[in-house]
Amino acid sequence: MAETFTIIKNRRNRTTEITGDLDYLRNYFAYTLSAGNSYDSKVKLTPASAKTLVSSLNRAVDSLEKGSYNPTYYELANS
């Protein structure tokens, strides 16, 4: 059985928890990663771990939301 992870998305003072195995989470966030990669080539499209996925998501939204007053950020639950 694959290990499951929970990623917490913080956006506009709301939190959303997304839980699943690494493949599910990569597919769930594929658009965000792809869009971020189009601005910053250091955003990994297929991260190897949940920690790397969160790092790539944060780098992606940093690139996409430059100068935002209340930027989106991600964190790994219970890490």
C-alpha atoms as a PDB file:
ATOM      1  CA  MET A   1       0.000   0.000   0.000  1.00  0.00           C
ATOM      2  CA  ALA A   2       1.356   3.405  -0.990  1.00  0.00           C
ATOM      3  CA  GLU A   3       2.169   5.946   1.674  1.00  0.00           C
ATOM      4  CA  THR A   4      -0.291   8.849   1.830  1.00  0.00           C
ATOM      5  CA  PHE A   5       0.530  12.486   2.463  1.00  0.00           C
ATOM      6  CA  THR A   6      -1.515  15.565   3.259  1.00  0.00           C
ATOM      7  CA  ILE A   7      -0.636  18.893   1.701  1.00  0.00           C
ATOM      8  CA  ILE A   8      -2.201  22.012   3.142  1.00  0.00           C
ATOM      9  CA  LYS A   9      -2.960  24.780   0.665  1.00  0.00           C
ATOM     10  CA  ASN A  10      -3.226  28.245   2.210  1.00  0.00           C
ATOM     11  CA  ARG A  11      -4.925  30.693  -0.133  1.00  0.00           C
ATOM     12  CA  ARG A  12      -6.727  33.931   0.670  1.00  0.00           C
ATOM     13  CA  ASN A  13      -6.921  33.133   4.387  1.00  0.00           C
ATOM     14  CA  ARG A  14      -8.507  29.719   3.706  1.00  0.00           C
ATOM     15  CA  THR A  15      -6.896  26.340   4.104  1.00  0.00           C
ATOM     16  CA  THR A  16      -7.620  23.238   2.079  1.00  0.00           C
ATOM     17  CA  GLU A  17      -6.196  19.792   2.807  1.00  0.00           C
ATOM     18  CA  ILE A  18      -5.443  17.482  -0.086  1.00  0.00           C
ATOM     19  CA  THR A  19      -4.602  13.887   0.845  1.00  0.00           C
ATOM     20  CA  GLY A  20      -3.331  11.090  -1.362  1.00  0.00           C
ATOM     21  CA  ASP A  21      -0.310   9.134  -2.443  1.00  0.00           C
ATOM     22  CA  LEU A  22       2.507  10.877  -4.281  1.00  0.00           C
ATOM     23  CA  ASP A  23       1.209   9.977  -7.758  1.00  0.00           C
ATOM     24  CA  TYR A  24      -2.253  11.338  -6.945  1.00  0.00           C
ATOM     25  CA  LEU A  25      -0.800  14.585  -5.558  1.00  0.00           C
ATOM     26  CA  ARG A  26       1.489  15.058  -8.575  1.00  0.00           C
ATOM     27  CA  ASN A  27      -1.521  14.658 -10.878  1.00  0.00           C
ATOM     28  CA  TYR A  28      -3.689  16.915  -8.695  1.00  0.00           C
ATOM     29  CA  PHE A  29      -1.134  19.731  -8.799  1.00  0.00           C
ATOM     30  CA  ALA A  30       0.123  19.090 -12.350  1.00  0.00           C
ATOM     31  CA  TYR A  31      -1.332  22.326 -13.745  1.00  0.00           C
ATOM     32  CA  THR A  32       0.201  24.486 -11.005  1.00  0.00           C
ATOM     33  CA  LEU A  33       3.583  22.822 -11.482  1.00  0.00           C
ATOM     34  CA  SER A  34       3.394  23.187 -15.259  1.00  0.00           C
ATOM     35  CA  ALA A  35       2.380  26.848 -15.101  1.00  0.00           C
ATOM     36  CA  GLY A  36       5.120  27.595 -12.572  1.00  0.00           C
ATOM     37  CA  ASN A  37       7.677  25.747 -14.696  1.00  0.00           C
ATOM     38  CA  SER A  38       6.835  27.975 -17.653  1.00  0.00           C
ATOM     39  CA  TYR A  39       8.110  30.953 -15.597  1.00  0.00           C
ATOM     40  CA  ASP A  40      10.838  29.210 -13.581  1.00  0.00           C
ATOM     41  CA  SER A  41      12.608  26.173 -14.997  1.00  0.00           C
ATOM     42  CA  LYS A  42      13.673  25.094 -11.494  1.00  0.00           C
ATOM     43  CA  VAL A  43      10.079  24.068 -10.699  1.00  0.00           C
ATOM     44  CA  LYS A  44      10.111  20.256 -10.888  1.00  0.00           C
ATOM     45  CA  LEU A  45       7.258  18.732 -12.859  1.00  0.00           C
ATOM     46  CA  THR A  46       7.635  15.269 -11.307  1.00  0.00           C
ATOM     47  CA  PRO A  47       9.027  15.684  -7.781  1.00  0.00           C
ATOM     48  CA  ALA A  48      10.405  12.513  -6.180  1.00  0.00           C
ATOM     49  CA  SER A  49       9.066  13.118  -2.662  1.00  0.00           C
ATOM     50  CA  ALA A  50       6.238  14.925  -0.887  1.00  0.00           C
ATOM     51  CA  LYS A  51       8.714  17.416   0.569  1.00  0.00           C
ATOM     52  CA  THR A  52      10.067  18.209  -2.901  1.00  0.00           C
ATOM     53  CA  LEU A  53       6.502  18.518  -4.200  1.00  0.00           C
ATOM     54  CA  VAL A  54       5.685  21.154  -1.577  1.00  0.00           C
ATOM     55  CA  SER A  55       8.912  23.001  -2.360  1.00  0.00           C
ATOM     56  CA  SER A  56       8.113  22.951  -6.087  1.00  0.00           C
ATOM     57  CA  LEU A  57       4.547  24.137  -5.476  1.00  0.00           C
ATOM     58  CA  ASN A  58       5.767  27.061  -3.374  1.00  0.00           C
ATOM     59  CA  ARG A  59       8.346  27.974  -6.010  1.00  0.00           C
ATOM     60  CA  ALA A  60       5.645  27.753  -8.702  1.00  0.00           C
ATOM     61  CA  VAL A  61       3.196  30.055  -6.924  1.00  0.00           C
ATOM     62  CA  ASP A  62       6.021  32.463  -6.083  1.00  0.00           C
ATOM     63  CA  SER A  63       6.672  32.741  -9.819  1.00  0.00           C
ATOM     64  CA  LEU A  64       2.996  32.998 -10.713  1.00  0.00           C
ATOM     65  CA  GLU A  65       1.938  35.448  -7.981  1.00  0.00           C
ATOM     66  CA  LYS A  66       4.898  37.845  -7.893  1.00  0.00           C
ATOM     67  CA  GLY A  67       3.997  40.901  -5.881  1.00  0.00           C
ATOM     68  CA  SER A  68       0.758  39.450  -4.558  1.00  0.00           C
ATOM     69  CA  TYR A  69      -0.524  41.002  -1.337  1.00  0.00           C
ATOM     70  CA  ASN A  70      -1.704  37.678   0.082  1.00  0.00           C
ATOM     71  CA  PRO A  71       0.219  34.912  -1.733  1.00  0.00           C
ATOM     72  CA  THR A  72      -0.717  31.243  -1.782  1.00  0.00           C
ATOM     73  CA  TYR A  73       1.589  28.822   0.007  1.00  0.00           C
ATOM     74  CA  TYR A  74       1.714  25.088   0.636  1.00  0.00           C
ATOM     75  CA  GLU A  75       2.896  23.000   3.563  1.00  0.00           C
ATOM     76  CA  LEU A  76       3.192  19.329   4.335  1.00  0.00           C
ATOM     77  CA  ALA A  77       1.019  18.221   7.261  1.00  0.00           C
ATOM     78  CA  ASN A  78       2.804  16.403  10.107  1.00  0.00           C
ATOM     79  CA  SER A  79       6.242  16.718   8.579  1.00  0.00           C
END
